[in-house]
Amino acid sequence: MLLREIAHARAGDKGNISNVSVIAYDPKDFPLLEQYVTVERVKAHLSGIVRGDVVRYALPSIGALNFVMHDALAGGVTRSLALDAHGKTLSFALLSLDIPMTKQHSDNHQGDKP
């Protein structure tokens, strides 16, 4: 399944740093986020864009992970020649990250949909 099936994302940017939060729709899915949305996987998934360090912060009380991505916006809005180098682009791209379907996920959502 894709990350967007269990979470949504919010983003912001300042200069050449992008800040992306991934928030589980259902708190039961937060452990999947913690397990599969790692710094290494995020950096690999966005490797064509994010050139610097990626730092992850867990916010379990709201079922979210926050990623701070350095050297991610081609110099920032005022320096980049890219059409749209804002952080919102990265949040949308991150939602296409592949998340393995697990028995836990299936059990957690049994009966959610007809």
PDB file of N, CA and C in Angstrom:
ATOM      1  N   MET A   1       0.845  -1.173   0.000  1.00  0.00           N
ATOM      2  CA  MET A   1       0.000   0.000   0.000  1.00  0.00           C
ATOM      3  C   MET A   1       0.891   1.237   0.000  1.00  0.00           C
ATOM      4  N   LEU A   2       0.344   2.340  -0.374  1.00  0.00           N
ATOM      5  CA  LEU A   2       1.090   3.593  -0.351  1.00  0.00           C
ATOM      6  C   LEU A   2       0.824   4.326   0.962  1.00  0.00           C
ATOM      7  N   LEU A   3       1.782   5.106   1.381  1.00  0.00           N
ATOM      8  CA  LEU A   3       1.681   5.853   2.623  1.00  0.00           C
ATOM      9  C   LEU A   3       0.395   6.681   2.670  1.00  0.00           C
ATOM     10  N   ARG A   4      -0.016   7.244   1.549  1.00  0.00           N
ATOM     11  CA  ARG A   4      -1.209   8.096   1.533  1.00  0.00           C
ATOM     12  C   ARG A   4      -2.485   7.350   1.905  1.00  0.00           C
ATOM     13  N   GLU A   5      -2.451   6.015   1.908  1.00  0.00           N
ATOM     14  CA  GLU A   5      -3.629   5.242   2.286  1.00  0.00           C
ATOM     15  C   GLU A   5      -3.842   5.208   3.801  1.00  0.00           C
ATOM     16  N   ILE A   6      -2.787   5.510   4.568  1.00  0.00           N
ATOM     17  CA  ILE A   6      -2.914   5.477   6.027  1.00  0.00           C
ATOM     18  C   ILE A   6      -2.545   6.803   6.688  1.00  0.00           C
ATOM     19  N   ALA A   7      -2.102   7.786   5.891  1.00  0.00           N
ATOM     20  CA  ALA A   7      -1.646   9.043   6.488  1.00  0.00           C
ATOM     21  C   ALA A   7      -1.812  10.204   5.514  1.00  0.00           C
ATOM     22  N   HIS A   8      -1.833  11.391   6.087  1.00  0.00           N
ATOM     23  CA  HIS A   8      -1.782  12.605   5.278  1.00  0.00           C
ATOM     24  C   HIS A   8      -0.530  13.370   5.698  1.00  0.00           C
ATOM     25  N   ALA A   9      -0.204  14.424   4.984  1.00  0.00           N
ATOM     26  CA  ALA A   9       1.041  15.151   5.259  1.00  0.00           C
ATOM     27  C   ALA A   9       0.798  16.652   5.224  1.00  0.00           C
ATOM     28  N   ARG A  10       1.590  17.336   6.003  1.00  0.00           N
ATOM     29  CA  ARG A  10       1.617  18.805   6.042  1.00  0.00           C
ATOM     30  C   ARG A  10       3.063  19.214   5.842  1.00  0.00           C
ATOM     31  N   ALA A  11       3.271  20.384   5.292  1.00  0.00           N
ATOM     32  CA  ALA A  11       4.637  20.804   5.016  1.00  0.00           C
ATOM     33  C   ALA A  11       4.815  22.299   5.195  1.00  0.00           C
ATOM     34  N   GLY A  12       6.044  22.648   5.399  1.00  0.00           N
ATOM     35  CA  GLY A  12       6.433  24.043   5.457  1.00  0.00           C
ATOM     36  C   GLY A  12       7.869  24.152   4.998  1.00  0.00           C
ATOM     37  N   ASP A  13       8.306  25.341   4.730  1.00  0.00           N
ATOM     38  CA  ASP A  13       9.690  25.518   4.316  1.00  0.00           C
ATOM     39  C   ASP A  13      10.199  26.868   4.788  1.00  0.00           C
ATOM     40  N   LYS A  14      11.485  26.909   4.975  1.00  0.00           N
ATOM     41  CA  LYS A  14      12.172  28.159   5.355  1.00  0.00           C
ATOM     42  C   LYS A  14      13.549  28.083   4.720  1.00  0.00           C
ATOM     43  N   GLY A  15      13.793  28.957   3.780  1.00  0.00           N
ATOM     44  CA  GLY A  15      15.085  28.930   3.100  1.00  0.00           C
ATOM     45  C   GLY A  15      15.256  27.625   2.343  1.00  0.00           C
ATOM     46  N   ASN A  16      16.301  26.898   2.650  1.00  0.00           N
ATOM     47  CA  ASN A  16      16.637  25.656   1.964  1.00  0.00           C
ATOM     48  C   ASN A  16      16.262  24.428   2.797  1.00  0.00           C
ATOM     49  N   ILE A  17      15.418  24.618   3.817  1.00  0.00           N
ATOM     50  CA  ILE A  17      15.009  23.527   4.700  1.00  0.00           C
ATOM     51  C   ILE A  17      13.515  23.286   4.520  1.00  0.00           C
ATOM     52  N   SER A  18      13.159  22.012   4.349  1.00  0.00           N
ATOM     53  CA  SER A  18      11.756  21.635   4.271  1.00  0.00           C
ATOM     54  C   SER A  18      11.382  20.853   5.519  1.00  0.00           C
ATOM     55  N   ASN A  19      10.190  21.085   5.997  1.00  0.00           N
ATOM     56  CA  ASN A  19       9.669  20.438   7.180  1.00  0.00           C
ATOM     57  C   ASN A  19       8.391  19.710   6.758  1.00  0.00           C
ATOM     58  N   VAL A  20       8.374  18.369   6.847  1.00  0.00           N
ATOM     59  CA  VAL A  20       7.208  17.590   6.440  1.00  0.00           C
ATOM     60  C   VAL A  20       6.744  16.737   7.609  1.00  0.00           C
ATOM     61  N   SER A  21       5.463  16.852   7.932  1.00  0.00           N
ATOM     62  CA  SER A  21       4.859  16.012   8.961  1.00  0.00           C
ATOM     63  C   SER A  21       3.950  14.998   8.288  1.00  0.00           C
ATOM     64  N   VAL A  22       4.047  13.753   8.741  1.00  0.00           N
ATOM     65  CA  VAL A  22       3.203  12.665   8.265  1.00  0.00           C
ATOM     66  C   VAL A  22       2.330  12.261   9.440  1.00  0.00           C
ATOM     67  N   ILE A  23       1.009  12.322   9.260  1.00  0.00           N
ATOM     68  CA  ILE A  23       0.074  12.108  10.356  1.00  0.00           C
ATOM     69  C   ILE A  23      -0.855  10.947  10.005  1.00  0.00           C
ATOM     70  N   ALA A  24      -0.891   9.939  10.863  1.00  0.00           N
ATOM     71  CA  ALA A  24      -1.764   8.780  10.636  1.00  0.00           C
ATOM     72  C   ALA A  24      -3.221   9.209  10.714  1.00  0.00           C
ATOM     73  N   TYR A  25      -4.036   8.715   9.783  1.00  0.00           N
ATOM     74  CA  TYR A  25      -5.473   8.960   9.859  1.00  0.00           C
ATOM     75  C   TYR A  25      -6.051   8.300  11.113  1.00  0.00           C
ATOM     76  N   ASP A  26      -5.549   7.106  11.396  1.00  0.00           N
ATOM     77  CA  ASP A  26      -6.027   6.324  12.530  1.00  0.00           C
ATOM     78  C   ASP A  26      -4.848   6.099  13.476  1.00  0.00           C
ATOM     79  N   PRO A  27      -4.992   6.414  14.759  1.00  0.00           N
ATOM     80  CA  PRO A  27      -3.880   6.229  15.700  1.00  0.00           C
ATOM     81  C   PRO A  27      -3.327   4.797  15.727  1.00  0.00           C
ATOM     82  N   LYS A  28      -4.166   3.823  15.345  1.00  0.00           N
ATOM     83  CA  LYS A  28      -3.695   2.429  15.313  1.00  0.00           C
ATOM     84  C   LYS A  28      -2.588   2.228  14.274  1.00  0.00           C
ATOM     85  N   ASP A  29      -2.485   3.128  13.301  1.00  0.00           N
ATOM     86  CA  ASP A  29      -1.473   2.987  12.252  1.00  0.00           C
ATOM     87  C   ASP A  29      -0.158   3.688  12.578  1.00  0.00           C
ATOM     88  N   PHE A  30      -0.105   4.409  13.686  1.00  0.00           N
ATOM     89  CA  PHE A  30       1.138   5.103  14.031  1.00  0.00           C
ATOM     90  C   PHE A  30       2.336   4.156  14.142  1.00  0.00           C
ATOM     91  N   PRO A  31       2.185   2.948  14.722  1.00  0.00           N
ATOM     92  CA  PRO A  31       3.340   2.036  14.747  1.00  0.00           C
ATOM     93  C   PRO A  31       3.873   1.690  13.351  1.00  0.00           C
ATOM     94  N   LEU A  32       2.996   1.636  12.354  1.00  0.00           N
ATOM     95  CA  LEU A  32       3.466   1.400  10.974  1.00  0.00           C
ATOM     96  C   LEU A  32       4.310   2.569  10.493  1.00  0.00           C
ATOM     97  N   LEU A  33       3.869   3.780  10.806  1.00  0.00           N
ATOM     98  CA  LEU A  33       4.664   4.952  10.430  1.00  0.00           C
ATOM     99  C   LEU A  33       6.038   4.876  11.077  1.00  0.00           C
ATOM    100  N   GLU A  34       6.058   4.611  12.371  1.00  0.00           N
ATOM    101  CA  GLU A  34       7.343   4.538  13.079  1.00  0.00           C
ATOM    102  C   GLU A  34       8.261   3.481  12.475  1.00  0.00           C
ATOM    103  N   GLN A  35       7.684   2.350  12.095  1.00  0.00           N
ATOM    104  CA  GLN A  35       8.501   1.247  11.583  1.00  0.00           C
ATOM    105  C   GLN A  35       8.984   1.475  10.155  1.00  0.00           C
ATOM    106  N   TYR A  36       8.118   2.010   9.294  1.00  0.00           N
ATOM    107  CA  TYR A  36       8.450   2.050   7.869  1.00  0.00           C
ATOM    108  C   TYR A  36       8.774   3.418   7.298  1.00  0.00           C
ATOM    109  N   VAL A  37       8.446   4.479   7.997  1.00  0.00           N
ATOM    110  CA  VAL A  37       8.770   5.815   7.486  1.00  0.00           C
ATOM    111  C   VAL A  37       9.988   6.310   8.272  1.00  0.00           C
ATOM    112  N   THR A  38      11.125   5.747   7.898  1.00  0.00           N
ATOM    113  CA  THR A  38      12.386   6.021   8.581  1.00  0.00           C
ATOM    114  C   THR A  38      13.159   7.118   7.850  1.00  0.00           C
ATOM    115  N   VAL A  39      14.143   7.651   8.526  1.00  0.00           N
ATOM    116  CA  VAL A  39      15.026   8.645   7.907  1.00  0.00           C
ATOM    117  C   VAL A  39      15.643   8.076   6.632  1.00  0.00           C
ATOM    118  N   GLU A  40      16.122   6.851   6.711  1.00  0.00           N
ATOM    119  CA  GLU A  40      16.788   6.244   5.559  1.00  0.00           C
ATOM    120  C   GLU A  40      15.832   6.092   4.371  1.00  0.00           C
ATOM    121  N   ARG A  41      14.613   5.640   4.640  1.00  0.00           N
ATOM    122  CA  ARG A  41      13.644   5.444   3.556  1.00  0.00           C
ATOM    123  C   ARG A  41      13.178   6.782   2.977  1.00  0.00           C
ATOM    124  N   VAL A  42      12.980   7.772   3.833  1.00  0.00           N
ATOM    125  CA  VAL A  42      12.576   9.097   3.344  1.00  0.00           C
ATOM    126  C   VAL A  42      13.681   9.686   2.478  1.00  0.00           C
ATOM    127  N   LYS A  43      14.906   9.606   2.958  1.00  0.00           N
ATOM    128  CA  LYS A  43      16.025  10.170   2.191  1.00  0.00           C
ATOM    129  C   LYS A  43      16.193   9.454   0.851  1.00  0.00           C
ATOM    130  N   ALA A  44      16.045   8.124   0.838  1.00  0.00           N
ATOM    131  CA  ALA A  44      16.158   7.374  -0.413  1.00  0.00           C
ATOM    132  C   ALA A  44      15.000   7.716  -1.355  1.00  0.00           C
ATOM    133  N   HIS A  45      13.795   7.828  -0.816  1.00  0.00           N
ATOM    134  CA  HIS A  45      12.614   8.112  -1.624  1.00  0.00           C
ATOM    135  C   HIS A  45      12.690   9.499  -2.274  1.00  0.00           C
ATOM    136  N   LEU A  46      13.298  10.443  -1.568  1.00  0.00           N
ATOM    137  CA  LEU A  46      13.400  11.818  -2.072  1.00  0.00           C
ATOM    138  C   LEU A  46      14.834  12.166  -2.482  1.00  0.00           C
ATOM    139  N   SER A  47      15.602  11.161  -2.840  1.00  0.00           N
ATOM    140  CA  SER A  47      17.037  11.356  -3.106  1.00  0.00           C
ATOM    141  C   SER A  47      17.325  12.331  -4.244  1.00  0.00           C
ATOM    142  N   GLY A  48      16.434  12.458  -5.187  1.00  0.00           N
ATOM    143  CA  GLY A  48      16.654  13.398  -6.283  1.00  0.00           C
ATOM    144  C   GLY A  48      16.439  14.847  -5.880  1.00  0.00           C
ATOM    145  N   ILE A  49      15.876  15.055  -4.691  1.00  0.00           N
ATOM    146  CA  ILE A  49      15.540  16.404  -4.233  1.00  0.00           C
ATOM    147  C   ILE A  49      16.290  16.786  -2.968  1.00  0.00           C
ATOM    148  N   VAL A  50      16.259  15.898  -1.981  1.00  0.00           N
ATOM    149  CA  VAL A  50      16.877  16.185  -0.682  1.00  0.00           C
ATOM    150  C   VAL A  50      18.357  15.835  -0.739  1.00  0.00           C
ATOM    151  N   ARG A  51      19.192  16.831  -0.557  1.00  0.00           N
ATOM    152  CA  ARG A  51      20.643  16.642  -0.660  1.00  0.00           C
ATOM    153  C   ARG A  51      21.338  16.587   0.703  1.00  0.00           C
ATOM    154  N   GLY A  52      20.681  17.080   1.733  1.00  0.00           N
ATOM    155  CA  GLY A  52      21.317  17.167   3.050  1.00  0.00           C
ATOM    156  C   GLY A  52      20.765  16.155   4.033  1.00  0.00           C
ATOM    157  N   ASP A  53      21.024  16.430   5.300  1.00  0.00           N
ATOM    158  CA  ASP A  53      20.582  15.555   6.378  1.00  0.00           C
ATOM    159  C   ASP A  53      19.065  15.583   6.520  1.00  0.00           C
ATOM    160  N   VAL A  54      18.529  14.460   6.988  1.00  0.00           N
ATOM    161  CA  VAL A  54      17.115  14.340   7.328  1.00  0.00           C
ATOM    162  C   VAL A  54      17.050  13.950   8.796  1.00  0.00           C
ATOM    163  N   VAL A  55      16.258  14.678   9.564  1.00  0.00           N
ATOM    164  CA  VAL A  55      16.096  14.404  10.986  1.00  0.00           C
ATOM    165  C   VAL A  55      14.621  14.102  11.236  1.00  0.00           C
ATOM    166  N   ARG A  56      14.352  13.025  11.994  1.00  0.00           N
ATOM    167  CA  ARG A  56      12.970  12.636  12.283  1.00  0.00           C
ATOM    168  C   ARG A  56      12.649  12.876  13.754  1.00  0.00           C
ATOM    169  N   TYR A  57      11.464  13.409  13.997  1.00  0.00           N
ATOM    170  CA  TYR A  57      10.945  13.595  15.344  1.00  0.00           C
ATOM    171  C   TYR A  57       9.616  12.857  15.435  1.00  0.00           C
ATOM    172  N   ALA A  58       9.451  12.031  16.454  1.00  0.00           N
ATOM    173  CA  ALA A  58       8.200  11.303  16.664  1.00  0.00           C
ATOM    174  C   ALA A  58       7.287  12.113  17.581  1.00  0.00           C
ATOM    175  N   LEU A  59       6.028  12.194  17.219  1.00  0.00           N
ATOM    176  CA  LEU A  59       5.007  12.889  18.004  1.00  0.00           C
ATOM    177  C   LEU A  59       3.856  11.910  18.250  1.00  0.00           C
ATOM    178  N   PRO A  60       4.092  10.896  19.104  1.00  0.00           N
ATOM    179  CA  PRO A  60       3.093   9.838  19.279  1.00  0.00           C
ATOM    180  C   PRO A  60       1.751  10.322  19.808  1.00  0.00           C
ATOM    181  N   SER A  61       1.730  11.398  20.559  1.00  0.00           N
ATOM    182  CA  SER A  61       0.456  11.870  21.122  1.00  0.00           C
ATOM    183  C   SER A  61      -0.519  12.327  20.038  1.00  0.00           C
ATOM    184  N   ILE A  62      -0.006  12.683  18.860  1.00  0.00           N
ATOM    185  CA  ILE A  62      -0.890  13.049  17.752  1.00  0.00           C
ATOM    186  C   ILE A  62      -0.729  12.085  16.565  1.00  0.00           C
ATOM    187  N   GLY A  63      -0.006  10.991  16.769  1.00  0.00           N
ATOM    188  CA  GLY A  63       0.159   9.985  15.717  1.00  0.00           C
ATOM    189  C   GLY A  63       0.927  10.477  14.519  1.00  0.00           C
ATOM    190  N   ALA A  64       1.975  11.259  14.769  1.00  0.00           N
ATOM    191  CA  ALA A  64       2.690  11.887  13.656  1.00  0.00           C
ATOM    192  C   ALA A  64       4.207  11.723  13.755  1.00  0.00           C
ATOM    193  N   LEU A  65       4.825  11.833  12.600  1.00  0.00           N
ATOM    194  CA  LEU A  65       6.283  11.938  12.490  1.00  0.00           C
ATOM    195  C   LEU A  65       6.567  13.252  11.785  1.00  0.00           C
ATOM    196  N   ASN A  66       7.593  13.942  12.232  1.00  0.00           N
ATOM    197  CA  ASN A  66       7.998  15.192  11.600  1.00  0.00           C
ATOM    198  C   ASN A  66       9.416  15.016  11.059  1.00  0.00           C
ATOM    199  N   PHE A  67       9.605  15.383   9.807  1.00  0.00           N
ATOM    200  CA  PHE A  67      10.916  15.281   9.165  1.00  0.00           C
ATOM    201  C   PHE A  67      11.415  16.672   8.810  1.00  0.00           C
ATOM    202  N   VAL A  68      12.629  16.978   9.241  1.00  0.00           N
ATOM    203  CA  VAL A  68      13.298  18.219   8.874  1.00  0.00           C
ATOM    204  C   VAL A  68      14.370  17.829   7.861  1.00  0.00           C
ATOM    205  N   MET A  69      14.239  18.368   6.646  1.00  0.00           N
ATOM    206  CA  MET A  69      15.122  17.992   5.542  1.00  0.00           C
ATOM    207  C   MET A  69      15.959  19.191   5.120  1.00  0.00           C
ATOM    208  N   HIS A  70      17.260  19.060   5.302  1.00  0.00           N
ATOM    209  CA  HIS A  70      18.201  20.138   4.984  1.00  0.00           C
ATOM    210  C   HIS A  70      18.646  20.034   3.533  1.00  0.00           C
ATOM    211  N   ASP A  71      18.982  21.173   2.960  1.00  0.00           N
ATOM    212  CA  ASP A  71      19.423  21.253   1.562  1.00  0.00           C
ATOM    213  C   ASP A  71      18.426  20.514   0.663  1.00  0.00           C
ATOM    214  N   ALA A  72      17.161  20.924   0.803  1.00  0.00           N
ATOM    215  CA  ALA A  72      16.092  20.202   0.128  1.00  0.00           C
ATOM    216  C   ALA A  72      15.342  21.029  -0.913  1.00  0.00           C
ATOM    217  N   LEU A  73      15.607  22.316  -0.990  1.00  0.00           N
ATOM    218  CA  LEU A  73      14.780  23.162  -1.842  1.00  0.00           C
ATOM    219  C   LEU A  73      15.579  23.936  -2.880  1.00  0.00           C
ATOM    220  N   ALA A  74      16.678  23.355  -3.324  1.00  0.00           N
ATOM    221  CA  ALA A  74      17.504  23.959  -4.382  1.00  0.00           C
ATOM    222  C   ALA A  74      17.879  25.407  -4.060  1.00  0.00           C
ATOM    223  N   GLY A  75      18.166  25.652  -2.786  1.00  0.00           N
ATOM    224  CA  GLY A  75      18.564  26.992  -2.374  1.00  0.00           C
ATOM    225  C   GLY A  75      17.440  27.803  -1.766  1.00  0.00           C
ATOM    226  N   GLY A  76      16.221  27.351  -1.930  1.00  0.00           N
ATOM    227  CA  GLY A  76      15.081  28.080  -1.391  1.00  0.00           C
ATOM    228  C   GLY A  76      14.328  28.829  -2.472  1.00  0.00           C
ATOM    229  N   VAL A  77      13.162  29.316  -2.131  1.00  0.00           N
ATOM    230  CA  VAL A  77      12.265  29.953  -3.095  1.00  0.00           C
ATOM    231  C   VAL A  77      12.912  31.139  -3.797  1.00  0.00           C
ATOM    232  N   THR A  78      13.683  31.936  -3.090  1.00  0.00           N
ATOM    233  CA  THR A  78      14.250  33.140  -3.707  1.00  0.00           C
ATOM    234  C   THR A  78      15.525  32.868  -4.493  1.00  0.00           C
ATOM    235  N   ARG A  79      16.067  31.661  -4.397  1.00  0.00           N
ATOM    236  CA  ARG A  79      17.317  31.358  -5.102  1.00  0.00           C
ATOM    237  C   ARG A  79      17.173  30.298  -6.182  1.00  0.00           C
ATOM    238  N   SER A  80      16.139  29.501  -6.106  1.00  0.00           N
ATOM    239  CA  SER A  80      15.981  28.376  -7.012  1.00  0.00           C
ATOM    240  C   SER A  80      15.371  28.799  -8.343  1.00  0.00           C
ATOM    241  N   LEU A  81      15.790  28.138  -9.402  1.00  0.00           N
ATOM    242  CA  LEU A  81      15.167  28.322 -10.709  1.00  0.00           C
ATOM    243  C   LEU A  81      14.073  27.296 -10.942  1.00  0.00           C
ATOM    244  N   ALA A  82      13.887  26.384  -9.970  1.00  0.00           N
ATOM    245  CA  ALA A  82      12.846  25.364 -10.082  1.00  0.00           C
ATOM    246  C   ALA A  82      11.470  26.022 -10.072  1.00  0.00           C
ATOM    247  N   LEU A  83      10.528  25.442 -10.788  1.00  0.00           N
ATOM    248  CA  LEU A  83       9.191  26.000 -10.890  1.00  0.00           C
ATOM    249  C   LEU A  83       8.502  26.074  -9.526  1.00  0.00           C
ATOM    250  N   ASP A  84       8.547  24.988  -8.742  1.00  0.00           N
ATOM    251  CA  ASP A  84       7.905  24.971  -7.429  1.00  0.00           C
ATOM    252  C   ASP A  84       8.772  24.189  -6.463  1.00  0.00           C
ATOM    253  N   ALA A  85       9.645  24.886  -5.788  1.00  0.00           N
ATOM    254  CA  ALA A  85      10.576  24.224  -4.870  1.00  0.00           C
ATOM    255  C   ALA A  85      10.096  24.302  -3.427  1.00  0.00           C
ATOM    256  N   HIS A  86       8.803  24.508  -3.223  1.00  0.00           N
ATOM    257  CA  HIS A  86       8.280  24.609  -1.875  1.00  0.00           C
ATOM    258  C   HIS A  86       8.173  23.240  -1.213  1.00  0.00           C
ATOM    259  N   GLY A  87       8.146  23.239   0.112  1.00  0.00           N
ATOM    260  CA  GLY A  87       8.041  21.999   0.877  1.00  0.00           C
ATOM    261  C   GLY A  87       6.782  21.200   0.597  1.00  0.00           C
ATOM    262  N   LYS A  88       5.708  21.862   0.165  1.00  0.00           N
ATOM    263  CA  LYS A  88       4.462  21.149  -0.110  1.00  0.00           C
ATOM    264  C   LYS A  88       4.652  20.097  -1.188  1.00  0.00           C
ATOM    265  N   THR A  89       5.528  20.350  -2.119  1.00  0.00           N
ATOM    266  CA  THR A  89       5.832  19.383  -3.156  1.00  0.00           C
ATOM    267  C   THR A  89       6.413  18.122  -2.538  1.00  0.00           C
ATOM    268  N   LEU A  90       7.275  18.282  -1.535  1.00  0.00           N
ATOM    269  CA  LEU A  90       7.889  17.129  -0.892  1.00  0.00           C
ATOM    270  C   LEU A  90       6.874  16.323  -0.086  1.00  0.00           C
ATOM    271  N   SER A  91       5.925  16.979   0.553  1.00  0.00           N
ATOM    272  CA  SER A  91       4.928  16.233   1.332  1.00  0.00           C
ATOM    273  C   SER A  91       4.087  15.368   0.401  1.00  0.00           C
ATOM    274  N   PHE A  92       3.721  15.877  -0.744  1.00  0.00           N
ATOM    275  CA  PHE A  92       2.951  15.092  -1.706  1.00  0.00           C
ATOM    276  C   PHE A  92       3.781  13.920  -2.229  1.00  0.00           C
ATOM    277  N   ALA A  93       5.043  14.175  -2.546  1.00  0.00           N
ATOM    278  CA  ALA A  93       5.920  13.110  -3.050  1.00  0.00           C
ATOM    279  C   ALA A  93       6.136  12.021  -1.996  1.00  0.00           C
ATOM    280  N   LEU A  94       6.259  12.409  -0.746  1.00  0.00           N
ATOM    281  CA  LEU A  94       6.494  11.424   0.317  1.00  0.00           C
ATOM    282  C   LEU A  94       5.302  10.484   0.486  1.00  0.00           C
ATOM    283  N   LEU A  95       4.101  10.956   0.218  1.00  0.00           N
ATOM    284  CA  LEU A  95       2.913  10.109   0.387  1.00  0.00           C
ATOM    285  C   LEU A  95       2.863   8.949  -0.597  1.00  0.00           C
ATOM    286  N   SER A  96       3.743   8.919  -1.598  1.00  0.00           N
ATOM    287  CA  SER A  96       3.803   7.776  -2.512  1.00  0.00           C
ATOM    288  C   SER A  96       4.798   6.717  -2.047  1.00  0.00           C
ATOM    289  N   LEU A  97       5.341   6.881  -0.841  1.00  0.00           N
ATOM    290  CA  LEU A  97       6.247   5.881  -0.264  1.00  0.00           C
ATOM    291  C   LEU A  97       5.492   4.576  -0.051  1.00  0.00           C
ATOM    292  N   ASP A  98       6.088   3.469  -0.443  1.00  0.00           N
ATOM    293  CA  ASP A  98       5.464   2.157  -0.301  1.00  0.00           C
ATOM    294  C   ASP A  98       5.589   1.670   1.139  1.00  0.00           C
ATOM    295  N   ILE A  99       4.463   1.242   1.713  1.00  0.00           N
ATOM    296  CA  ILE A  99       4.414   0.696   3.066  1.00  0.00           C
ATOM    297  C   ILE A  99       3.927  -0.736   2.953  1.00  0.00           C
ATOM    298  N   PRO A 100       4.663  -1.709   3.482  1.00  0.00           N
ATOM    299  CA  PRO A 100       4.199  -3.101   3.394  1.00  0.00           C
ATOM    300  C   PRO A 100       2.864  -3.291   4.109  1.00  0.00           C
ATOM    301  N   MET A 101       1.968  -4.032   3.486  1.00  0.00           N
ATOM    302  CA  MET A 101       0.699  -4.380   4.125  1.00  0.00           C
ATOM    303  C   MET A 101       1.017  -5.465   5.145  1.00  0.00           C
ATOM    304  N   THR A 102       0.661  -5.229   6.369  1.00  0.00           N
ATOM    305  CA  THR A 102       0.963  -6.183   7.433  1.00  0.00           C
ATOM    306  C   THR A 102      -0.318  -6.785   7.980  1.00  0.00           C
ATOM    307  N   LYS A 103      -0.176  -7.910   8.650  1.00  0.00           N
ATOM    308  CA  LYS A 103      -1.327  -8.529   9.300  1.00  0.00           C
ATOM    309  C   LYS A 103      -1.902  -7.569  10.328  1.00  0.00           C
ATOM    310  N   GLN A 104      -1.025  -6.866  11.040  1.00  0.00           N
ATOM    311  CA  GLN A 104      -1.472  -5.898  12.045  1.00  0.00           C
ATOM    312  C   GLN A 104      -2.381  -4.856  11.402  1.00  0.00           C
ATOM    313  N   HIS A 105      -1.970  -4.324  10.243  1.00  0.00           N
ATOM    314  CA  HIS A 105      -2.778  -3.313   9.569  1.00  0.00           C
ATOM    315  C   HIS A 105      -4.113  -3.901   9.160  1.00  0.00           C
ATOM    316  N   SER A 106      -4.078  -5.093   8.599  1.00  0.00           N
ATOM    317  CA  SER A 106      -5.296  -5.744   8.173  1.00  0.00           C
ATOM    318  C   SER A 106      -6.236  -5.998   9.349  1.00  0.00           C
ATOM    319  N   ASP A 107      -5.680  -6.481  10.467  1.00  0.00           N
ATOM    320  CA  ASP A 107      -6.476  -6.746  11.665  1.00  0.00           C
ATOM    321  C   ASP A 107      -7.045  -5.444  12.244  1.00  0.00           C
ATOM    322  N   ASN A 108      -6.238  -4.385  12.241  1.00  0.00           N
ATOM    323  CA  ASN A 108      -6.682  -3.108  12.795  1.00  0.00           C
ATOM    324  C   ASN A 108      -7.872  -2.533  12.031  1.00  0.00           C
ATOM    325  N   HIS A 109      -7.955  -2.832  10.750  1.00  0.00           N
ATOM    326  CA  HIS A 109      -8.970  -2.210   9.916  1.00  0.00           C
ATOM    327  C   HIS A 109     -10.022  -3.176   9.434  1.00  0.00           C
ATOM    328  N   GLN A 110     -10.061  -4.343  10.010  1.00  0.00           N
ATOM    329  CA  GLN A 110     -11.073  -5.317   9.628  1.00  0.00           C
ATOM    330  C   GLN A 110     -12.456  -4.740   9.934  1.00  0.00           C
ATOM    331  N   GLY A 111     -13.286  -4.696   8.946  1.00  0.00           N
ATOM    332  CA  GLY A 111     -14.635  -4.147   9.127  1.00  0.00           C
ATOM    333  C   GLY A 111     -14.743  -2.659   8.885  1.00  0.00           C
ATOM    334  N   ASP A 112     -13.623  -1.966   8.564  1.00  0.00           N
ATOM    335  CA  ASP A 112     -13.689  -0.526   8.311  1.00  0.00           C
ATOM    336  C   ASP A 112     -14.458  -0.213   7.038  1.00  0.00           C
ATOM    337  N   LYS A 113     -14.274  -1.059   6.028  1.00  0.00           N
ATOM    338  CA  LYS A 113     -14.894  -0.811   4.727  1.00  0.00           C
ATOM    339  C   LYS A 113     -15.673  -2.062   4.324  1.00  0.00           C
ATOM    340  N   PRO A 114     -16.783  -1.867   3.614  1.00  0.00           N
ATOM    341  CA  PRO A 114     -17.562  -3.037   3.181  1.00  0.00           C
ATOM    342  C   PRO A 114     -16.826  -3.848   2.143  1.00  0.00           C
TER     343      PRO A 114
END
